[in-house]
Amino acid sequence: MKNVEKNFQISVACLAVVIVFIGLYTQSLNKMMVTYFIGILGILGVFLPDWESFDQSVSHWVTPLKVDEFTAESCRSVRFRFYPVRMAIFTILYGFGLYKWWMFISTQ
């Protein structure tokens, strides 16, 4: 868990740097707050989901996992398997979010 916590702390620190940069560039508290909320939602979208459930093909996401499928070893190690559909969903969602955020930030 320490590795996940460390990555979360690094992500939040990077978000703070981005917020300061946006504040200096736009001099708008409103745009800083939007950047904060979008950034936190983006970070939580990576760190918060139950990856044991999502670490399978997309067609199995809606079926619940059995207790037998959770082992001590699988809970300790976080693996990220590459599934093209999952990566396409993440790319579309995060790409759209970044696009909308950039359009909001770039308009003065």
PDB file of N, CA and C in Angstrom:
ATOM      1  N   MET A   1       0.807  -1.198   0.000  1.00  0.00           N
ATOM      2  CA  MET A   1       0.000   0.000   0.000  1.00  0.00           C
ATOM      3  C   MET A   1       0.850   1.261   0.000  1.00  0.00           C
ATOM      4  N   LYS A   2       2.063   1.145   0.493  1.00  0.00           N
ATOM      5  CA  LYS A   2       2.896   2.330   0.571  1.00  0.00           C
ATOM      6  C   LYS A   2       3.197   2.887  -0.806  1.00  0.00           C
ATOM      7  N   ASN A   3       3.341   2.002  -1.789  1.00  0.00           N
ATOM      8  CA  ASN A   3       3.630   2.449  -3.148  1.00  0.00           C
ATOM      9  C   ASN A   3       2.449   3.239  -3.712  1.00  0.00           C
ATOM     10  N   VAL A   4       1.232   2.792  -3.450  1.00  0.00           N
ATOM     11  CA  VAL A   4       0.039   3.491  -3.921  1.00  0.00           C
ATOM     12  C   VAL A   4      -0.080   4.848  -3.233  1.00  0.00           C
ATOM     13  N   GLU A   5       0.187   4.872  -1.930  1.00  0.00           N
ATOM     14  CA  GLU A   5       0.116   6.141  -1.197  1.00  0.00           C
ATOM     15  C   GLU A   5       1.174   7.125  -1.690  1.00  0.00           C
ATOM     16  N   LYS A   6       2.368   6.619  -1.974  1.00  0.00           N
ATOM     17  CA  LYS A   6       3.435   7.477  -2.482  1.00  0.00           C
ATOM     18  C   LYS A   6       3.060   8.051  -3.846  1.00  0.00           C
ATOM     19  N   ASN A   7       2.509   7.214  -4.717  1.00  0.00           N
ATOM     20  CA  ASN A   7       2.079   7.689  -6.036  1.00  0.00           C
ATOM     21  C   ASN A   7       0.954   8.708  -5.920  1.00  0.00           C
ATOM     22  N   PHE A   8       0.049   8.495  -4.976  1.00  0.00           N
ATOM     23  CA  PHE A   8      -1.039   9.451  -4.747  1.00  0.00           C
ATOM     24  C   PHE A   8      -0.482  10.789  -4.272  1.00  0.00           C
ATOM     25  N   GLN A   9       0.469  10.761  -3.350  1.00  0.00           N
ATOM     26  CA  GLN A   9       1.069  11.996  -2.851  1.00  0.00           C
ATOM     27  C   GLN A   9       1.808  12.741  -3.954  1.00  0.00           C
ATOM     28  N   ILE A  10       2.521  12.016  -4.789  1.00  0.00           N
ATOM     29  CA  ILE A  10       3.236  12.650  -5.908  1.00  0.00           C
ATOM     30  C   ILE A  10       2.244  13.276  -6.876  1.00  0.00           C
ATOM     31  N   SER A  11       1.140  12.583  -7.143  1.00  0.00           N
ATOM     32  CA  SER A  11       0.130  13.114  -8.060  1.00  0.00           C
ATOM     33  C   SER A  11      -0.502  14.386  -7.515  1.00  0.00           C
ATOM     34  N   VAL A  12      -0.803  14.402  -6.230  1.00  0.00           N
ATOM     35  CA  VAL A  12      -1.406  15.592  -5.626  1.00  0.00           C
ATOM     36  C   VAL A  12      -0.406  16.745  -5.611  1.00  0.00           C
ATOM     37  N   ALA A  13       0.882  16.454  -5.371  1.00  0.00           N
ATOM     38  CA  ALA A  13       1.905  17.502  -5.408  1.00  0.00           C
ATOM     39  C   ALA A  13       2.045  18.075  -6.819  1.00  0.00           C
ATOM     40  N   CYS A  14       2.007  17.220  -7.818  1.00  0.00           N
ATOM     41  CA  CYS A  14       2.063  17.702  -9.212  1.00  0.00           C
ATOM     42  C   CYS A  14       0.836  18.546  -9.536  1.00  0.00           C
ATOM     43  N   LEU A  15      -0.317  18.133  -9.030  1.00  0.00           N
ATOM     44  CA  LEU A  15      -1.535  18.922  -9.230  1.00  0.00           C
ATOM     45  C   LEU A  15      -1.398  20.298  -8.593  1.00  0.00           C
ATOM     46  N   ALA A  16      -0.772  20.375  -7.421  1.00  0.00           N
ATOM     47  CA  ALA A  16      -0.573  21.665  -6.765  1.00  0.00           C
ATOM     48  C   ALA A  16       0.310  22.571  -7.616  1.00  0.00           C
ATOM     49  N   VAL A  17       1.333  22.004  -8.244  1.00  0.00           N
ATOM     50  CA  VAL A  17       2.207  22.792  -9.125  1.00  0.00           C
ATOM     51  C   VAL A  17       1.419  23.303 -10.329  1.00  0.00           C
ATOM     52  N   VAL A  18       0.577  22.449 -10.892  1.00  0.00           N
ATOM     53  CA  VAL A  18      -0.241  22.857 -12.042  1.00  0.00           C
ATOM     54  C   VAL A  18      -1.205  23.971 -11.627  1.00  0.00           C
ATOM     55  N   ILE A  19      -1.791  23.862 -10.439  1.00  0.00           N
ATOM     56  CA  ILE A  19      -2.731  24.883  -9.967  1.00  0.00           C
ATOM     57  C   ILE A  19      -2.026  26.224  -9.782  1.00  0.00           C
ATOM     58  N   VAL A  20      -0.822  26.197  -9.217  1.00  0.00           N
ATOM     59  CA  VAL A  20      -0.062  27.442  -9.047  1.00  0.00           C
ATOM     60  C   VAL A  20       0.271  28.043 -10.408  1.00  0.00           C
ATOM     61  N   PHE A  21       0.680  27.204 -11.356  1.00  0.00           N
ATOM     62  CA  PHE A  21       0.985  27.695 -12.707  1.00  0.00           C
ATOM     63  C   PHE A  21      -0.246  28.317 -13.359  1.00  0.00           C
ATOM     64  N   ILE A  22      -1.392  27.657 -13.244  1.00  0.00           N
ATOM     65  CA  ILE A  22      -2.638  28.186 -13.811  1.00  0.00           C
ATOM     66  C   ILE A  22      -3.002  29.508 -13.141  1.00  0.00           C
ATOM     67  N   GLY A  23      -2.808  29.581 -11.825  1.00  0.00           N
ATOM     68  CA  GLY A  23      -3.102  30.821 -11.113  1.00  0.00           C
ATOM     69  C   GLY A  23      -2.213  31.967 -11.558  1.00  0.00           C
ATOM     70  N   LEU A  24      -0.936  31.695 -11.764  1.00  0.00           N
ATOM     71  CA  LEU A  24      -0.024  32.737 -12.227  1.00  0.00           C
ATOM     72  C   LEU A  24      -0.303  33.130 -13.678  1.00  0.00           C
ATOM     73  N   TYR A  25      -0.658  32.150 -14.488  1.00  0.00           N
ATOM     74  CA  TYR A  25      -0.886  32.403 -15.912  1.00  0.00           C
ATOM     75  C   TYR A  25      -2.198  33.149 -16.149  1.00  0.00           C
ATOM     76  N   THR A  26      -3.275  32.715 -15.494  1.00  0.00           N
ATOM     77  CA  THR A  26      -4.589  33.300 -15.769  1.00  0.00           C
ATOM     78  C   THR A  26      -5.002  34.349 -14.738  1.00  0.00           C
ATOM     79  N   GLN A  27      -4.406  34.321 -13.557  1.00  0.00           N
ATOM     80  CA  GLN A  27      -4.772  35.207 -12.452  1.00  0.00           C
ATOM     81  C   GLN A  27      -6.277  35.146 -12.170  1.00  0.00           C
ATOM     82  N   SER A  28      -6.773  33.915 -12.149  1.00  0.00           N
ATOM     83  CA  SER A  28      -8.199  33.690 -11.926  1.00  0.00           C
ATOM     84  C   SER A  28      -8.375  32.607 -10.863  1.00  0.00           C
ATOM     85  N   LEU A  29      -8.969  32.970  -9.748  1.00  0.00           N
ATOM     86  CA  LEU A  29      -9.243  32.008  -8.695  1.00  0.00           C
ATOM     87  C   LEU A  29     -10.258  30.969  -9.163  1.00  0.00           C
ATOM     88  N   ASN A  30     -11.200  31.368  -9.996  1.00  0.00           N
ATOM     89  CA  ASN A  30     -12.202  30.454 -10.530  1.00  0.00           C
ATOM     90  C   ASN A  30     -11.539  29.336 -11.347  1.00  0.00           C
ATOM     91  N   LYS A  31     -10.596  29.689 -12.199  1.00  0.00           N
ATOM     92  CA  LYS A  31      -9.916  28.680 -13.029  1.00  0.00           C
ATOM     93  C   LYS A  31      -9.001  27.796 -12.190  1.00  0.00           C
ATOM     94  N   MET A  32      -8.450  28.354 -11.113  1.00  0.00           N
ATOM     95  CA  MET A  32      -7.652  27.535 -10.199  1.00  0.00           C
ATOM     96  C   MET A  32      -8.531  26.492  -9.499  1.00  0.00           C
ATOM     97  N   MET A  33      -9.712  26.896  -9.078  1.00  0.00           N
ATOM     98  CA  MET A  33     -10.612  25.968  -8.399  1.00  0.00           C
ATOM     99  C   MET A  33     -11.107  24.872  -9.344  1.00  0.00           C
ATOM    100  N   VAL A  34     -11.429  25.254 -10.564  1.00  0.00           N
ATOM    101  CA  VAL A  34     -11.855  24.246 -11.551  1.00  0.00           C
ATOM    102  C   VAL A  34     -10.717  23.262 -11.818  1.00  0.00           C
ATOM    103  N   THR A  35      -9.492  23.775 -11.925  1.00  0.00           N
ATOM    104  CA  THR A  35      -8.336  22.906 -12.141  1.00  0.00           C
ATOM    105  C   THR A  35      -8.164  21.957 -10.957  1.00  0.00           C
ATOM    106  N   TYR A  36      -8.362  22.452  -9.750  1.00  0.00           N
ATOM    107  CA  TYR A  36      -8.250  21.603  -8.569  1.00  0.00           C
ATOM    108  C   TYR A  36      -9.278  20.467  -8.607  1.00  0.00           C
ATOM    109  N   PHE A  37     -10.542  20.803  -8.844  1.00  0.00           N
ATOM    110  CA  PHE A  37     -11.588  19.775  -8.830  1.00  0.00           C
ATOM    111  C   PHE A  37     -11.437  18.778  -9.973  1.00  0.00           C
ATOM    112  N   ILE A  38     -11.101  19.258 -11.158  1.00  0.00           N
ATOM    113  CA  ILE A  38     -10.878  18.343 -12.289  1.00  0.00           C
ATOM    114  C   ILE A  38      -9.671  17.451 -12.010  1.00  0.00           C
ATOM    115  N   GLY A  39      -8.620  18.024 -11.454  1.00  0.00           N
ATOM    116  CA  GLY A  39      -7.425  17.253 -11.134  1.00  0.00           C
ATOM    117  C   GLY A  39      -7.670  16.194 -10.085  1.00  0.00           C
ATOM    118  N   ILE A  40      -8.397  16.553  -9.034  1.00  0.00           N
ATOM    119  CA  ILE A  40      -8.708  15.572  -7.987  1.00  0.00           C
ATOM    120  C   ILE A  40      -9.584  14.457  -8.541  1.00  0.00           C
ATOM    121  N   LEU A  41     -10.571  14.803  -9.360  1.00  0.00           N
ATOM    122  CA  LEU A  41     -11.407  13.759  -9.972  1.00  0.00           C
ATOM    123  C   LEU A  41     -10.577  12.846 -10.874  1.00  0.00           C
ATOM    124  N   GLY A  42      -9.652  13.431 -11.623  1.00  0.00           N
ATOM    125  CA  GLY A  42      -8.784  12.625 -12.478  1.00  0.00           C
ATOM    126  C   GLY A  42      -7.886  11.704 -11.683  1.00  0.00           C
ATOM    127  N   ILE A  43      -7.319  12.215 -10.606  1.00  0.00           N
ATOM    128  CA  ILE A  43      -6.446  11.390  -9.762  1.00  0.00           C
ATOM    129  C   ILE A  43      -7.245  10.282  -9.088  1.00  0.00           C
ATOM    130  N   LEU A  44      -8.409  10.615  -8.556  1.00  0.00           N
ATOM    131  CA  LEU A  44      -9.230   9.595  -7.903  1.00  0.00           C
ATOM    132  C   LEU A  44      -9.740   8.557  -8.893  1.00  0.00           C
ATOM    133  N   GLY A  45      -9.913   8.955 -10.139  1.00  0.00           N
ATOM    134  CA  GLY A  45     -10.329   8.000 -11.168  1.00  0.00           C
ATOM    135  C   GLY A  45      -9.281   6.940 -11.441  1.00  0.00           C
ATOM    136  N   VAL A  46      -8.039   7.231 -11.083  1.00  0.00           N
ATOM    137  CA  VAL A  46      -6.964   6.254 -11.267  1.00  0.00           C
ATOM    138  C   VAL A  46      -6.726   5.456  -9.990  1.00  0.00           C
ATOM    139  N   PHE A  47      -6.734   6.117  -8.837  1.00  0.00           N
ATOM    140  CA  PHE A  47      -6.361   5.454  -7.597  1.00  0.00           C
ATOM    141  C   PHE A  47      -7.511   4.849  -6.816  1.00  0.00           C
ATOM    142  N   LEU A  48      -8.732   5.319  -7.004  1.00  0.00           N
ATOM    143  CA  LEU A  48      -9.837   4.889  -6.161  1.00  0.00           C
ATOM    144  C   LEU A  48     -10.545   3.607  -6.602  1.00  0.00           C
ATOM    145  N   PRO A  49     -10.673   3.311  -7.894  1.00  0.00           N
ATOM    146  CA  PRO A  49     -11.460   2.132  -8.280  1.00  0.00           C
ATOM    147  C   PRO A  49     -10.919   0.828  -7.697  1.00  0.00           C
ATOM    148  N   ASP A  50     -11.799  -0.120  -7.590  1.00  0.00           N
ATOM    149  CA  ASP A  50     -11.440  -1.460  -7.137  1.00  0.00           C
ATOM    150  C   ASP A  50     -10.782  -2.184  -8.306  1.00  0.00           C
ATOM    151  N   TRP A  51      -9.459  -2.130  -8.383  1.00  0.00           N
ATOM    152  CA  TRP A  51      -8.760  -2.673  -9.545  1.00  0.00           C
ATOM    153  C   TRP A  51      -8.842  -4.182  -9.631  1.00  0.00           C
ATOM    154  N   GLU A  52      -9.125  -4.867  -8.529  1.00  0.00           N
ATOM    155  CA  GLU A  52      -9.351  -6.309  -8.620  1.00  0.00           C
ATOM    156  C   GLU A  52     -10.568  -6.593  -9.487  1.00  0.00           C
ATOM    157  N   SER A  53     -11.581  -5.732  -9.379  1.00  0.00           N
ATOM    158  CA  SER A  53     -12.786  -5.907 -10.174  1.00  0.00           C
ATOM    159  C   SER A  53     -12.564  -5.477 -11.620  1.00  0.00           C
ATOM    160  N   PHE A  54     -11.834  -4.385 -11.818  1.00  0.00           N
ATOM    161  CA  PHE A  54     -11.635  -3.863 -13.166  1.00  0.00           C
ATOM    162  C   PHE A  54     -10.443  -4.478 -13.878  1.00  0.00           C
ATOM    163  N   ASP A  55      -9.663  -5.293 -13.185  1.00  0.00           N
ATOM    164  CA  ASP A  55      -8.486  -5.902 -13.805  1.00  0.00           C
ATOM    165  C   ASP A  55      -8.873  -7.205 -14.503  1.00  0.00           C
ATOM    166  N   GLN A  56      -9.873  -7.111 -15.336  1.00  0.00           N
ATOM    167  CA  GLN A  56     -10.337  -8.213 -16.166  1.00  0.00           C
ATOM    168  C   GLN A  56     -10.955  -7.603 -17.413  1.00  0.00           C
ATOM    169  N   SER A  57     -11.369  -8.416 -18.331  1.00  0.00           N
ATOM    170  CA  SER A  57     -11.917  -7.864 -19.567  1.00  0.00           C
ATOM    171  C   SER A  57     -13.196  -7.079 -19.272  1.00  0.00           C
ATOM    172  N   VAL A  58     -13.509  -6.134 -20.143  1.00  0.00           N
ATOM    173  CA  VAL A  58     -14.625  -5.211 -19.925  1.00  0.00           C
ATOM    174  C   VAL A  58     -15.956  -5.951 -19.805  1.00  0.00           C
ATOM    175  N   SER A  59     -16.107  -7.051 -20.506  1.00  0.00           N
ATOM    176  CA  SER A  59     -17.378  -7.781 -20.456  1.00  0.00           C
ATOM    177  C   SER A  59     -17.664  -8.358 -19.071  1.00  0.00           C
ATOM    178  N   HIS A  60     -16.652  -8.488 -18.218  1.00  0.00           N
ATOM    179  CA  HIS A  60     -16.846  -9.040 -16.878  1.00  0.00           C
ATOM    180  C   HIS A  60     -16.977  -7.964 -15.802  1.00  0.00           C
ATOM    181  N   TRP A  61     -16.964  -6.683 -16.171  1.00  0.00           N
ATOM    182  CA  TRP A  61     -17.028  -5.610 -15.180  1.00  0.00           C
ATOM    183  C   TRP A  61     -18.342  -5.589 -14.419  1.00  0.00           C
ATOM    184  N   VAL A  62     -19.442  -5.993 -15.054  1.00  0.00           N
ATOM    185  CA  VAL A  62     -20.752  -5.901 -14.408  1.00  0.00           C
ATOM    186  C   VAL A  62     -21.079  -7.125 -13.561  1.00  0.00           C
ATOM    187  N   THR A  63     -20.276  -8.169 -13.638  1.00  0.00           N
ATOM    188  CA  THR A  63     -20.524  -9.348 -12.820  1.00  0.00           C
ATOM    189  C   THR A  63     -19.737  -9.229 -11.520  1.00  0.00           C
ATOM    190  N   PRO A  64     -20.368  -9.515 -10.394  1.00  0.00           N
ATOM    191  CA  PRO A  64     -19.654  -9.393  -9.118  1.00  0.00           C
ATOM    192  C   PRO A  64     -18.593 -10.479  -8.964  1.00  0.00           C
ATOM    193  N   LEU A  65     -17.543 -10.150  -8.240  1.00  0.00           N
ATOM    194  CA  LEU A  65     -16.499 -11.124  -7.951  1.00  0.00           C
ATOM    195  C   LEU A  65     -16.893 -11.950  -6.734  1.00  0.00           C
ATOM    196  N   LYS A  66     -16.485 -13.210  -6.738  1.00  0.00           N
ATOM    197  CA  LYS A  66     -16.742 -14.075  -5.592  1.00  0.00           C
ATOM    198  C   LYS A  66     -15.647 -13.855  -4.558  1.00  0.00           C
ATOM    199  N   VAL A  67     -15.965 -14.145  -3.324  1.00  0.00           N
ATOM    200  CA  VAL A  67     -14.994 -13.978  -2.243  1.00  0.00           C
ATOM    201  C   VAL A  67     -13.789 -14.875  -2.478  1.00  0.00           C
ATOM    202  N   ASP A  68     -13.993 -16.039  -3.072  1.00  0.00           N
ATOM    203  CA  ASP A  68     -12.889 -16.962  -3.332  1.00  0.00           C
ATOM    204  C   ASP A  68     -11.866 -16.375  -4.296  1.00  0.00           C
ATOM    205  N   GLU A  69     -12.279 -15.421  -5.137  1.00  0.00           N
ATOM    206  CA  GLU A  69     -11.368 -14.844  -6.116  1.00  0.00           C
ATOM    207  C   GLU A  69     -10.396 -13.854  -5.469  1.00  0.00           C
ATOM    208  N   PHE A  70     -10.683 -13.397  -4.244  1.00  0.00           N
ATOM    209  CA  PHE A  70      -9.787 -12.502  -3.532  1.00  0.00           C
ATOM    210  C   PHE A  70      -8.858 -13.335  -2.653  1.00  0.00           C
ATOM    211  N   THR A  71      -7.609 -13.316  -2.976  1.00  0.00           N
ATOM    212  CA  THR A  71      -6.625 -13.991  -2.150  1.00  0.00           C
ATOM    213  C   THR A  71      -5.717 -12.942  -1.535  1.00  0.00           C
ATOM    214  N   ALA A  72      -4.995 -13.340  -0.526  1.00  0.00           N
ATOM    215  CA  ALA A  72      -4.085 -12.392   0.124  1.00  0.00           C
ATOM    216  C   ALA A  72      -3.036 -11.896  -0.861  1.00  0.00           C
ATOM    217  N   GLU A  73      -2.562 -12.776  -1.708  1.00  0.00           N
ATOM    218  CA  GLU A  73      -1.534 -12.379  -2.681  1.00  0.00           C
ATOM    219  C   GLU A  73      -2.095 -11.415  -3.714  1.00  0.00           C
ATOM    220  N   SER A  74      -3.305 -11.658  -4.195  1.00  0.00           N
ATOM    221  CA  SER A  74      -3.875 -10.768  -5.209  1.00  0.00           C
ATOM    222  C   SER A  74      -4.211  -9.405  -4.627  1.00  0.00           C
ATOM    223  N   CYS A  75      -4.524  -9.345  -3.336  1.00  0.00           N
ATOM    224  CA  CYS A  75      -4.822  -8.053  -2.715  1.00  0.00           C
ATOM    225  C   CYS A  75      -3.547  -7.261  -2.449  1.00  0.00           C
ATOM    226  N   ARG A  76      -2.437  -7.956  -2.237  1.00  0.00           N
ATOM    227  CA  ARG A  76      -1.177  -7.260  -1.978  1.00  0.00           C
ATOM    228  C   ARG A  76      -0.544  -6.709  -3.240  1.00  0.00           C
ATOM    229  N   SER A  77      -0.657  -7.430  -4.317  1.00  0.00           N
ATOM    230  CA  SER A  77       0.010  -6.999  -5.546  1.00  0.00           C
ATOM    231  C   SER A  77      -1.021  -6.383  -6.488  1.00  0.00           C
ATOM    232  N   VAL A  78      -0.715  -5.197  -6.961  1.00  0.00           N
ATOM    233  CA  VAL A  78      -1.607  -4.518  -7.898  1.00  0.00           C
ATOM    234  C   VAL A  78      -0.993  -4.675  -9.287  1.00  0.00           C
ATOM    235  N   ARG A  79      -1.694  -5.373 -10.122  1.00  0.00           N
ATOM    236  CA  ARG A  79      -1.218  -5.584 -11.488  1.00  0.00           C
ATOM    237  C   ARG A  79      -2.119  -4.804 -12.429  1.00  0.00           C
ATOM    238  N   PHE A  80      -1.534  -4.372 -13.492  1.00  0.00           N
ATOM    239  CA  PHE A  80      -2.329  -3.662 -14.495  1.00  0.00           C
ATOM    240  C   PHE A  80      -2.151  -4.415 -15.800  1.00  0.00           C
ATOM    241  N   ARG A  81      -3.178  -5.154 -16.164  1.00  0.00           N
ATOM    242  CA  ARG A  81      -3.136  -5.883 -17.433  1.00  0.00           C
ATOM    243  C   ARG A  81      -3.649  -4.972 -18.533  1.00  0.00           C
ATOM    244  N   PHE A  82      -3.093  -5.121 -19.692  1.00  0.00           N
ATOM    245  CA  PHE A  82      -3.486  -4.279 -20.825  1.00  0.00           C
ATOM    246  C   PHE A  82      -4.687  -4.902 -21.517  1.00  0.00           C
ATOM    247  N   TYR A  83      -5.789  -4.170 -21.511  1.00  0.00           N
ATOM    248  CA  TYR A  83      -6.976  -4.542 -22.270  1.00  0.00           C
ATOM    249  C   TYR A  83      -7.295  -3.374 -23.197  1.00  0.00           C
ATOM    250  N   PRO A  84      -7.338  -3.606 -24.514  1.00  0.00           N
ATOM    251  CA  PRO A  84      -7.537  -2.497 -25.452  1.00  0.00           C
ATOM    252  C   PRO A  84      -8.839  -1.722 -25.235  1.00  0.00           C
ATOM    253  N   VAL A  85      -9.927  -2.401 -24.906  1.00  0.00           N
ATOM    254  CA  VAL A  85     -11.205  -1.698 -24.727  1.00  0.00           C
ATOM    255  C   VAL A  85     -11.131  -0.800 -23.496  1.00  0.00           C
ATOM    256  N   ARG A  86     -10.543  -1.295 -22.420  1.00  0.00           N
ATOM    257  CA  ARG A  86     -10.402  -0.488 -21.207  1.00  0.00           C
ATOM    258  C   ARG A  86      -9.533   0.736 -21.487  1.00  0.00           C
ATOM    259  N   MET A  87      -8.445   0.550 -22.206  1.00  0.00           N
ATOM    260  CA  MET A  87      -7.578   1.682 -22.533  1.00  0.00           C
ATOM    261  C   MET A  87      -8.299   2.676 -23.436  1.00  0.00           C
ATOM    262  N   ALA A  88      -9.129   2.184 -24.334  1.00  0.00           N
ATOM    263  CA  ALA A  88      -9.904   3.085 -25.197  1.00  0.00           C
ATOM    264  C   ALA A  88     -10.902   3.899 -24.363  1.00  0.00           C
ATOM    265  N   ILE A  89     -11.555   3.250 -23.395  1.00  0.00           N
ATOM    266  CA  ILE A  89     -12.504   3.960 -22.533  1.00  0.00           C
ATOM    267  C   ILE A  89     -11.782   5.022 -21.717  1.00  0.00           C
ATOM    268  N   PHE A  90     -10.663   4.654 -21.103  1.00  0.00           N
ATOM    269  CA  PHE A  90      -9.890   5.629 -20.328  1.00  0.00           C
ATOM    270  C   PHE A  90      -9.396   6.769 -21.202  1.00  0.00           C
ATOM    271  N   THR A  91      -8.913   6.462 -22.391  1.00  0.00           N
ATOM    272  CA  THR A  91      -8.399   7.495 -23.283  1.00  0.00           C
ATOM    273  C   THR A  91      -9.494   8.463 -23.697  1.00  0.00           C
ATOM    274  N   ILE A  92     -10.657   7.937 -24.010  1.00  0.00           N
ATOM    275  CA  ILE A  92     -11.772   8.805 -24.415  1.00  0.00           C
ATOM    276  C   ILE A  92     -12.221   9.685 -23.249  1.00  0.00           C
ATOM    277  N   LEU A  93     -12.410   9.097 -22.072  1.00  0.00           N
ATOM    278  CA  LEU A  93     -12.877   9.873 -20.922  1.00  0.00           C
ATOM    279  C   LEU A  93     -11.863  10.933 -20.493  1.00  0.00           C
ATOM    280  N   TYR A  94     -10.620  10.532 -20.324  1.00  0.00           N
ATOM    281  CA  TYR A  94      -9.605  11.492 -19.892  1.00  0.00           C
ATOM    282  C   TYR A  94      -9.273  12.494 -20.988  1.00  0.00           C
ATOM    283  N   GLY A  95      -9.285  12.068 -22.234  1.00  0.00           N
ATOM    284  CA  GLY A  95      -9.043  12.995 -23.339  1.00  0.00           C
ATOM    285  C   GLY A  95     -10.122  14.058 -23.435  1.00  0.00           C
ATOM    286  N   PHE A  96     -11.375  13.639 -23.297  1.00  0.00           N
ATOM    287  CA  PHE A  96     -12.480  14.601 -23.330  1.00  0.00           C
ATOM    288  C   PHE A  96     -12.402  15.563 -22.147  1.00  0.00           C
ATOM    289  N   GLY A  97     -12.101  15.031 -20.972  1.00  0.00           N
ATOM    290  CA  GLY A  97     -11.969  15.878 -19.791  1.00  0.00           C
ATOM    291  C   GLY A  97     -10.841  16.890 -19.928  1.00  0.00           C
ATOM    292  N   LEU A  98      -9.693  16.449 -20.436  1.00  0.00           N
ATOM    293  CA  LEU A  98      -8.577  17.373 -20.643  1.00  0.00           C
ATOM    294  C   LEU A  98      -8.902  18.419 -21.698  1.00  0.00           C
ATOM    295  N   TYR A  99      -9.600  17.998 -22.749  1.00  0.00           N
ATOM    296  CA  TYR A  99      -9.984  18.944 -23.800  1.00  0.00           C
ATOM    297  C   TYR A  99     -10.909  20.025 -23.239  1.00  0.00           C
ATOM    298  N   LYS A 100     -11.941  19.626 -22.483  1.00  0.00           N
ATOM    299  CA  LYS A 100     -12.875  20.607 -21.914  1.00  0.00           C
ATOM    300  C   LYS A 100     -12.163  21.522 -20.914  1.00  0.00           C
ATOM    301  N   TRP A 101     -11.265  20.932 -20.109  1.00  0.00           N
ATOM    302  CA  TRP A 101     -10.509  21.739 -19.157  1.00  0.00           C
ATOM    303  C   TRP A 101      -9.630  22.749 -19.882  1.00  0.00           C
ATOM    304  N   TRP A 102      -8.932  22.309 -20.932  1.00  0.00           N
ATOM    305  CA  TRP A 102      -8.052  23.216 -21.672  1.00  0.00           C
ATOM    306  C   TRP A 102      -8.847  24.328 -22.355  1.00  0.00           C
ATOM    307  N   MET A 103     -10.015  24.018 -22.892  1.00  0.00           N
ATOM    308  CA  MET A 103     -10.845  25.048 -23.516  1.00  0.00           C
ATOM    309  C   MET A 103     -11.303  26.069 -22.464  1.00  0.00           C
ATOM    310  N   PHE A 104     -11.602  25.622 -21.272  1.00  0.00           N
ATOM    311  CA  PHE A 104     -12.013  26.531 -20.205  1.00  0.00           C
ATOM    312  C   PHE A 104     -10.832  27.403 -19.764  1.00  0.00           C
ATOM    313  N   ILE A 105      -9.657  26.806 -19.617  1.00  0.00           N
ATOM    314  CA  ILE A 105      -8.483  27.535 -19.140  1.00  0.00           C
ATOM    315  C   ILE A 105      -7.980  28.526 -20.195  1.00  0.00           C
ATOM    316  N   SER A 106      -8.008  28.122 -21.450  1.00  0.00           N
ATOM    317  CA  SER A 106      -7.403  28.952 -22.496  1.00  0.00           C
ATOM    318  C   SER A 106      -8.259  30.156 -22.875  1.00  0.00           C
ATOM    319  N   THR A 107      -9.547  30.151 -22.529  1.00  0.00           N
ATOM    320  CA  THR A 107     -10.371  31.320 -22.819  1.00  0.00           C
ATOM    321  C   THR A 107     -10.224  32.325 -21.686  1.00  0.00           C
ATOM    322  N   GLN A 108      -9.899  33.550 -22.065  1.00  0.00           N
ATOM    323  CA  GLN A 108      -9.712  34.573 -21.037  1.00  0.00           C
ATOM    324  C   GLN A 108     -10.692  35.632 -21.280  1.00  0.00           C
TER     325      GLN A 108
END
